């Protein structure tokens, strides 16, 4: 599909820039990068969407890292690039254990910088990650006794993002979009609280957060 081809072309160009930096810093061919891309889905995962993302990422990875002389350049003709990417999109994916790339839920991507933030105390938190076309919501528990640990307790992806906010900012629908996010955030928080509340020891850590 044209959408997958366009996405793979753009991602190939971005990864090509990364490869050039790796060649400079580490040495040509002396690297084995592992690339992780976030997809607009929750930890339950949308398998059809993930499959599309994997195909795009696979084609881009092969273009940027597995081919010596075929790095995407902006001045190339569209026909040449499109044909190359179109052929790679039909290449069978390697087994998961052999891949040097992965697709993960965007709902968990925002938790990475939180894990190492020394300013945050242990406890329960929300993360609201607003992207261009979707908003990822997650409830997580941060533990700092012993080895720092972060657990995603509940999450969801809402198909409302910054583009929608710009379109509806001056219209009544804007509040409806915000209400959708607020409602989903309350829902996933409540789901986990009800589970934890069954245990009287776990329940003690929740009241201040609810």
C-alpha atoms as a PDB file:
ATOM      1  CA  UNK A   1       0.000   0.000   0.000  1.00  0.00           C
ATOM      2  CA  UNK A   2       1.077   3.562  -0.667  1.00  0.00           C
ATOM      3  CA  UNK A   3       0.852   4.463   3.023  1.00  0.00           C
ATOM      4  CA  UNK A   4       3.270   1.705   4.032  1.00  0.00           C
ATOM      5  CA  UNK A   5       5.670   2.610   1.207  1.00  0.00           C
ATOM      6  CA  UNK A   6       5.705   6.287   2.196  1.00  0.00           C
ATOM      7  CA  UNK A   7       6.210   5.451   5.877  1.00  0.00           C
ATOM      8  CA  UNK A   8       9.045   3.039   5.105  1.00  0.00           C
ATOM      9  CA  UNK A   9      10.759   5.593   2.839  1.00  0.00           C
ATOM     10  CA  UNK A  10      10.687   8.253   5.555  1.00  0.00           C
ATOM     11  CA  UNK A  11      11.837   5.846   8.279  1.00  0.00           C
ATOM     12  CA  UNK A  12      14.626   4.564   6.003  1.00  0.00           C
ATOM     13  CA  UNK A  13      15.880   8.107   5.566  1.00  0.00           C
ATOM     14  CA  UNK A  14      15.844   8.713   9.347  1.00  0.00           C
ATOM     15  CA  UNK A  15      17.640   5.442  10.079  1.00  0.00           C
ATOM     16  CA  UNK A  16      20.091   6.238   7.309  1.00  0.00           C
ATOM     17  CA  UNK A  17      21.088   9.398   9.188  1.00  0.00           C
ATOM     18  CA  UNK A  18      21.554   7.269  12.306  1.00  0.00           C
ATOM     19  CA  UNK A  19      23.762   4.886  10.360  1.00  0.00           C
ATOM     20  CA  UNK A  20      25.953   7.721   9.133  1.00  0.00           C
ATOM     21  CA  UNK A  21      26.494   8.831  12.728  1.00  0.00           C
ATOM     22  CA  UNK A  22      27.303   5.269  13.803  1.00  0.00           C
ATOM     23  CA  UNK A  23      29.831   4.972  10.971  1.00  0.00           C
ATOM     24  CA  UNK A  24      31.489   8.152  12.179  1.00  0.00           C
ATOM     25  CA  UNK A  25      31.485   7.376  15.896  1.00  0.00           C
ATOM     26  CA  UNK A  26      32.045   3.602  15.910  1.00  0.00           C
ATOM     27  CA  UNK A  27      33.391   2.754  12.486  1.00  0.00           C
ATOM     28  CA  UNK A  28      31.828   1.488   9.281  1.00  0.00           C
ATOM     29  CA  UNK A  29      30.079  -1.825   9.753  1.00  0.00           C
ATOM     30  CA  UNK A  30      31.141  -2.169  13.406  1.00  0.00           C
ATOM     31  CA  UNK A  31      27.632  -1.684  14.787  1.00  0.00           C
ATOM     32  CA  UNK A  32      24.544  -3.863  15.311  1.00  0.00           C
ATOM     33  CA  UNK A  33      21.780  -1.449  16.250  1.00  0.00           C
ATOM     34  CA  UNK A  34      18.520  -2.587  17.784  1.00  0.00           C
ATOM     35  CA  UNK A  35      15.658  -0.302  16.725  1.00  0.00           C
ATOM     36  CA  UNK A  36      12.437   0.056  18.744  1.00  0.00           C
ATOM     37  CA  UNK A  37       9.371   1.862  17.371  1.00  0.00           C
ATOM     38  CA  UNK A  38       6.207   2.691  19.299  1.00  0.00           C
ATOM     39  CA  UNK A  39       2.778   1.990  17.780  1.00  0.00           C
ATOM     40  CA  UNK A  40      -0.535   3.632  18.836  1.00  0.00           C
ATOM     41  CA  UNK A  41      -1.904   0.692  20.812  1.00  0.00           C
ATOM     42  CA  UNK A  42      -2.186  -0.487  24.409  1.00  0.00           C
ATOM     43  CA  UNK A  43      -0.273  -3.334  26.013  1.00  0.00           C
ATOM     44  CA  UNK A  44      -3.066  -5.687  24.909  1.00  0.00           C
ATOM     45  CA  UNK A  45      -1.739  -4.955  21.386  1.00  0.00           C
ATOM     46  CA  UNK A  46      -3.518  -4.691  18.059  1.00  0.00           C
ATOM     47  CA  UNK A  47      -1.953  -7.581  16.160  1.00  0.00           C
ATOM     48  CA  UNK A  48      -3.013  -6.338  12.735  1.00  0.00           C
ATOM     49  CA  UNK A  49      -1.569  -2.882  13.372  1.00  0.00           C
ATOM     50  CA  UNK A  50       1.604  -4.340  14.868  1.00  0.00           C
ATOM     51  CA  UNK A  51       2.059  -6.541  11.808  1.00  0.00           C
ATOM     52  CA  UNK A  52       1.880  -3.489   9.510  1.00  0.00           C
ATOM     53  CA  UNK A  53       4.377  -1.618  11.652  1.00  0.00           C
ATOM     54  CA  UNK A  54       6.757  -4.587  11.637  1.00  0.00           C
ATOM     55  CA  UNK A  55       6.650  -4.815   7.838  1.00  0.00           C
ATOM     56  CA  UNK A  56       7.445  -1.091   7.520  1.00  0.00           C
ATOM     57  CA  UNK A  57      10.206  -1.227  10.117  1.00  0.00           C
ATOM     58  CA  UNK A  58      11.698  -4.339   8.518  1.00  0.00           C
ATOM     59  CA  UNK A  59      11.894  -2.679   5.098  1.00  0.00           C
ATOM     60  CA  UNK A  60      13.404   0.469   6.595  1.00  0.00           C
ATOM     61  CA  UNK A  61      15.931  -1.472   8.648  1.00  0.00           C
ATOM     62  CA  UNK A  62      17.076  -3.475   5.625  1.00  0.00           C
ATOM     63  CA  UNK A  63      17.426  -0.288   3.582  1.00  0.00           C
ATOM     64  CA  UNK A  64      19.391   1.624   6.192  1.00  0.00           C
ATOM     65  CA  UNK A  65      21.545  -1.072   7.788  1.00  0.00           C
ATOM     66  CA  UNK A  66      21.642  -4.213   5.634  1.00  0.00           C
ATOM     67  CA  UNK A  67      22.431  -2.679   2.233  1.00  0.00           C
ATOM     68  CA  UNK A  68      25.832  -1.063   1.692  1.00  0.00           C
ATOM     69  CA  UNK A  69      25.057   1.410  -1.058  1.00  0.00           C
ATOM     70  CA  UNK A  70      21.340   2.083  -0.844  1.00  0.00           C
ATOM     71  CA  UNK A  71      20.799   4.792   1.731  1.00  0.00           C
ATOM     72  CA  UNK A  72      17.724   6.931   1.197  1.00  0.00           C
ATOM     73  CA  UNK A  73      18.579  10.402  -0.081  1.00  0.00           C
ATOM     74  CA  UNK A  74      16.106  13.258  -0.462  1.00  0.00           C
ATOM     75  CA  UNK A  75      17.118  13.969  -4.035  1.00  0.00           C
ATOM     76  CA  UNK A  76      16.343  10.487  -5.339  1.00  0.00           C
ATOM     77  CA  UNK A  77      13.476   9.996  -7.736  1.00  0.00           C
ATOM     78  CA  UNK A  78      10.281   8.796  -6.091  1.00  0.00           C
ATOM     79  CA  UNK A  79       9.901   5.908  -8.541  1.00  0.00           C
ATOM     80  CA  UNK A  80      13.307   4.452  -7.691  1.00  0.00           C
ATOM     81  CA  UNK A  81      12.800   4.632  -3.949  1.00  0.00           C
ATOM     82  CA  UNK A  82       9.212   3.350  -4.076  1.00  0.00           C
ATOM     83  CA  UNK A  83      10.103   0.281  -6.122  1.00  0.00           C
ATOM     84  CA  UNK A  84      12.939  -0.631  -3.766  1.00  0.00           C
ATOM     85  CA  UNK A  85      10.756  -0.263  -0.670  1.00  0.00           C
ATOM     86  CA  UNK A  86       7.793  -2.011  -2.302  1.00  0.00           C
ATOM     87  CA  UNK A  87       9.956  -5.084  -2.949  1.00  0.00           C
ATOM     88  CA  UNK A  88      11.281  -5.118   0.617  1.00  0.00           C
ATOM     89  CA  UNK A  89       7.781  -4.908   2.090  1.00  0.00           C
ATOM     90  CA  UNK A  90       7.137  -8.332   0.591  1.00  0.00           C
ATOM     91  CA  UNK A  91      10.204  -9.911   2.193  1.00  0.00           C
ATOM     92  CA  UNK A  92       9.259 -12.393   4.910  1.00  0.00           C
ATOM     93  CA  UNK A  93       9.888 -11.233   8.459  1.00  0.00           C
ATOM     94  CA  UNK A  94      12.611 -13.112  10.354  1.00  0.00           C
ATOM     95  CA  UNK A  95      11.663 -14.927  13.542  1.00  0.00           C
ATOM     96  CA  UNK A  96      11.250 -12.639  16.555  1.00  0.00           C
ATOM     97  CA  UNK A  97      14.435 -13.969  18.170  1.00  0.00           C
ATOM     98  CA  UNK A  98      16.475 -13.053  15.097  1.00  0.00           C
ATOM     99  CA  UNK A  99      15.144  -9.521  14.562  1.00  0.00           C
ATOM    100  CA  UNK A 100      17.204  -6.445  15.342  1.00  0.00           C
ATOM    101  CA  UNK A 101      14.050  -4.358  15.621  1.00  0.00           C
ATOM    102  CA  UNK A 102      10.803  -4.367  17.582  1.00  0.00           C
ATOM    103  CA  UNK A 103       7.423  -2.637  17.774  1.00  0.00           C
ATOM    104  CA  UNK A 104       6.108  -1.780  21.252  1.00  0.00           C
ATOM    105  CA  UNK A 105       2.918  -0.081  22.516  1.00  0.00           C
ATOM    106  CA  UNK A 106       3.217   3.710  22.669  1.00  0.00           C
ATOM    107  CA  UNK A 107       1.436   3.609  26.020  1.00  0.00           C
ATOM    108  CA  UNK A 108       4.602   2.195  27.606  1.00  0.00           C
ATOM    109  CA  UNK A 109       7.100   4.363  25.721  1.00  0.00           C
ATOM    110  CA  UNK A 110       6.460   7.350  27.974  1.00  0.00           C
ATOM    111  CA  UNK A 111       7.412   5.311  31.044  1.00  0.00           C
ATOM    112  CA  UNK A 112      11.074   5.018  30.057  1.00  0.00           C
ATOM    113  CA  UNK A 113      12.232   8.505  31.188  1.00  0.00           C
ATOM    114  CA  UNK A 114      10.088   8.261  34.326  1.00  0.00           C
ATOM    115  CA  UNK A 115      11.962   5.177  35.502  1.00  0.00           C
ATOM    116  CA  UNK A 116      15.222   7.062  36.020  1.00  0.00           C
ATOM    117  CA  UNK A 117      13.810  10.373  37.291  1.00  0.00           C
ATOM    118  CA  UNK A 118      15.255  10.913  40.813  1.00  0.00           C
ATOM    119  CA  UNK A 119      12.651  13.589  41.587  1.00  0.00           C
ATOM    120  CA  UNK A 120       9.733  11.150  41.652  1.00  0.00           C
ATOM    121  CA  UNK A 121       8.797   9.329  44.833  1.00  0.00           C
ATOM    122  CA  UNK A 122       7.554   5.762  44.838  1.00  0.00           C
ATOM    123  CA  UNK A 123       3.817   5.501  44.195  1.00  0.00           C
ATOM    124  CA  UNK A 124       1.106   5.474  41.532  1.00  0.00           C
ATOM    125  CA  UNK A 125       1.109   7.831  38.564  1.00  0.00           C
ATOM    126  CA  UNK A 126      -0.638   8.612  35.289  1.00  0.00           C
ATOM    127  CA  UNK A 127       1.155   9.282  32.016  1.00  0.00           C
ATOM    128  CA  UNK A 128      -0.687  11.184  29.275  1.00  0.00           C
ATOM    129  CA  UNK A 129       1.259  11.112  26.012  1.00  0.00           C
ATOM    130  CA  UNK A 130      -0.374  13.267  23.308  1.00  0.00           C
ATOM    131  CA  UNK A 131       0.886  12.553  19.803  1.00  0.00           C
ATOM    132  CA  UNK A 132      -0.180  13.815  16.408  1.00  0.00           C
ATOM    133  CA  UNK A 133      -3.075  11.429  15.863  1.00  0.00           C
ATOM    134  CA  UNK A 134      -3.535   9.597  19.163  1.00  0.00           C
ATOM    135  CA  UNK A 135      -3.218   9.993  22.930  1.00  0.00           C
ATOM    136  CA  UNK A 136      -1.721   7.209  25.046  1.00  0.00           C
ATOM    137  CA  UNK A 137      -2.843   6.875  28.668  1.00  0.00           C
ATOM    138  CA  UNK A 138      -1.248   4.659  31.291  1.00  0.00           C
ATOM    139  CA  UNK A 139      -1.385   4.014  35.025  1.00  0.00           C
ATOM    140  CA  UNK A 140       1.861   2.777  36.520  1.00  0.00           C
ATOM    141  CA  UNK A 141       3.465   2.009  39.844  1.00  0.00           C
ATOM    142  CA  UNK A 142       6.973   3.275  40.554  1.00  0.00           C
ATOM    143  CA  UNK A 143       8.951   1.353  43.148  1.00  0.00           C
ATOM    144  CA  UNK A 144      12.334   2.560  44.398  1.00  0.00           C
ATOM    145  CA  UNK A 145      13.198   0.165  47.198  1.00  0.00           C
ATOM    146  CA  UNK A 146      16.197  -1.863  46.152  1.00  0.00           C
ATOM    147  CA  UNK A 147      16.388  -1.966  42.366  1.00  0.00           C
ATOM    148  CA  UNK A 148      14.140   0.746  40.817  1.00  0.00           C
ATOM    149  CA  UNK A 149      11.125  -0.838  39.162  1.00  0.00           C
ATOM    150  CA  UNK A 150       8.215   0.412  37.121  1.00  0.00           C
ATOM    151  CA  UNK A 151       5.063  -1.601  36.378  1.00  0.00           C
ATOM    152  CA  UNK A 152       2.400  -0.613  33.866  1.00  0.00           C
ATOM    153  CA  UNK A 153      -0.875  -1.475  35.603  1.00  0.00           C
ATOM    154  CA  UNK A 154      -3.398  -0.386  32.957  1.00  0.00           C
ATOM    155  CA  UNK A 155      -3.270   1.500  29.685  1.00  0.00           C
ATOM    156  CA  UNK A 156      -5.219   2.456  26.582  1.00  0.00           C
ATOM    157  CA  UNK A 157      -4.794   4.364  23.324  1.00  0.00           C
ATOM    158  CA  UNK A 158      -7.364   6.990  22.286  1.00  0.00           C
ATOM    159  CA  UNK A 159      -7.562   8.036  18.586  1.00  0.00           C
ATOM    160  CA  UNK A 160      -7.540  11.745  19.466  1.00  0.00           C
ATOM    161  CA  UNK A 161      -4.349  13.787  19.128  1.00  0.00           C
ATOM    162  CA  UNK A 162      -2.806  17.202  18.546  1.00  0.00           C
ATOM    163  CA  UNK A 163      -4.129  17.359  14.988  1.00  0.00           C
ATOM    164  CA  UNK A 164      -7.673  16.963  16.301  1.00  0.00           C
ATOM    165  CA  UNK A 165      -7.096  19.638  18.929  1.00  0.00           C
ATOM    166  CA  UNK A 166      -5.952  22.102  16.284  1.00  0.00           C
ATOM    167  CA  UNK A 167      -8.976  21.334  14.114  1.00  0.00           C
ATOM    168  CA  UNK A 168     -11.544  21.587  16.913  1.00  0.00           C
ATOM    169  CA  UNK A 169      -9.910  24.255  19.135  1.00  0.00           C
ATOM    170  CA  UNK A 170     -12.426  26.952  18.149  1.00  0.00           C
ATOM    171  CA  UNK A 171     -15.440  24.640  17.953  1.00  0.00           C
ATOM    172  CA  UNK A 172     -17.769  23.001  20.503  1.00  0.00           C
ATOM    173  CA  UNK A 173     -16.347  19.575  19.608  1.00  0.00           C
ATOM    174  CA  UNK A 174     -13.096  20.490  21.356  1.00  0.00           C
ATOM    175  CA  UNK A 175     -14.581  19.856  24.803  1.00  0.00           C
ATOM    176  CA  UNK A 176     -15.936  16.546  23.558  1.00  0.00           C
ATOM    177  CA  UNK A 177     -12.439  15.484  22.520  1.00  0.00           C
ATOM    178  CA  UNK A 178     -11.030  16.439  25.919  1.00  0.00           C
ATOM    179  CA  UNK A 179     -13.871  14.646  27.679  1.00  0.00           C
ATOM    180  CA  UNK A 180     -13.051  11.473  25.735  1.00  0.00           C
ATOM    181  CA  UNK A 181      -9.519  11.544  27.127  1.00  0.00           C
ATOM    182  CA  UNK A 182     -10.675  12.354  30.672  1.00  0.00           C
ATOM    183  CA  UNK A 183     -13.230   9.544  30.585  1.00  0.00           C
ATOM    184  CA  UNK A 184     -10.699   6.974  29.368  1.00  0.00           C
ATOM    185  CA  UNK A 185      -8.149   8.079  31.950  1.00  0.00           C
ATOM    186  CA  UNK A 186     -10.697   7.637  34.733  1.00  0.00           C
ATOM    187  CA  UNK A 187     -11.720   4.266  33.347  1.00  0.00           C
ATOM    188  CA  UNK A 188      -8.249   2.695  33.294  1.00  0.00           C
ATOM    189  CA  UNK A 189      -7.422   4.170  36.717  1.00  0.00           C
ATOM    190  CA  UNK A 190     -10.640   2.718  38.127  1.00  0.00           C
ATOM    191  CA  UNK A 191     -10.048  -0.706  36.574  1.00  0.00           C
ATOM    192  CA  UNK A 192      -6.751  -1.138  38.370  1.00  0.00           C
ATOM    193  CA  UNK A 193      -7.933   0.394  41.630  1.00  0.00           C
ATOM    194  CA  UNK A 194     -10.799  -2.080  41.843  1.00  0.00           C
ATOM    195  CA  UNK A 195      -8.334  -4.944  41.381  1.00  0.00           C
ATOM    196  CA  UNK A 196      -5.894  -3.634  43.997  1.00  0.00           C
ATOM    197  CA  UNK A 197      -8.684  -2.736  46.444  1.00  0.00           C
ATOM    198  CA  UNK A 198      -9.496  -6.426  46.876  1.00  0.00           C
ATOM    199  CA  UNK A 199      -6.277  -6.724  48.860  1.00  0.00           C
ATOM    200  CA  UNK A 200      -6.373  -4.613  52.047  1.00  0.00           C
ATOM    201  CA  UNK A 201      -2.600  -4.192  52.087  1.00  0.00           C
ATOM    202  CA  UNK A 202      -2.441  -2.957  48.503  1.00  0.00           C
ATOM    203  CA  UNK A 203      -5.515  -0.781  49.046  1.00  0.00           C
ATOM    204  CA  UNK A 204      -3.651   1.342  51.618  1.00  0.00           C
ATOM    205  CA  UNK A 205      -1.348   2.759  48.956  1.00  0.00           C
ATOM    206  CA  UNK A 206      -4.190   4.003  46.730  1.00  0.00           C
ATOM    207  CA  UNK A 207      -6.447   6.463  48.651  1.00  0.00           C
ATOM    208  CA  UNK A 208      -4.202   9.508  48.228  1.00  0.00           C
ATOM    209  CA  UNK A 209      -4.077   8.904  44.496  1.00  0.00           C
ATOM    210  CA  UNK A 210      -7.812   8.434  43.816  1.00  0.00           C
END
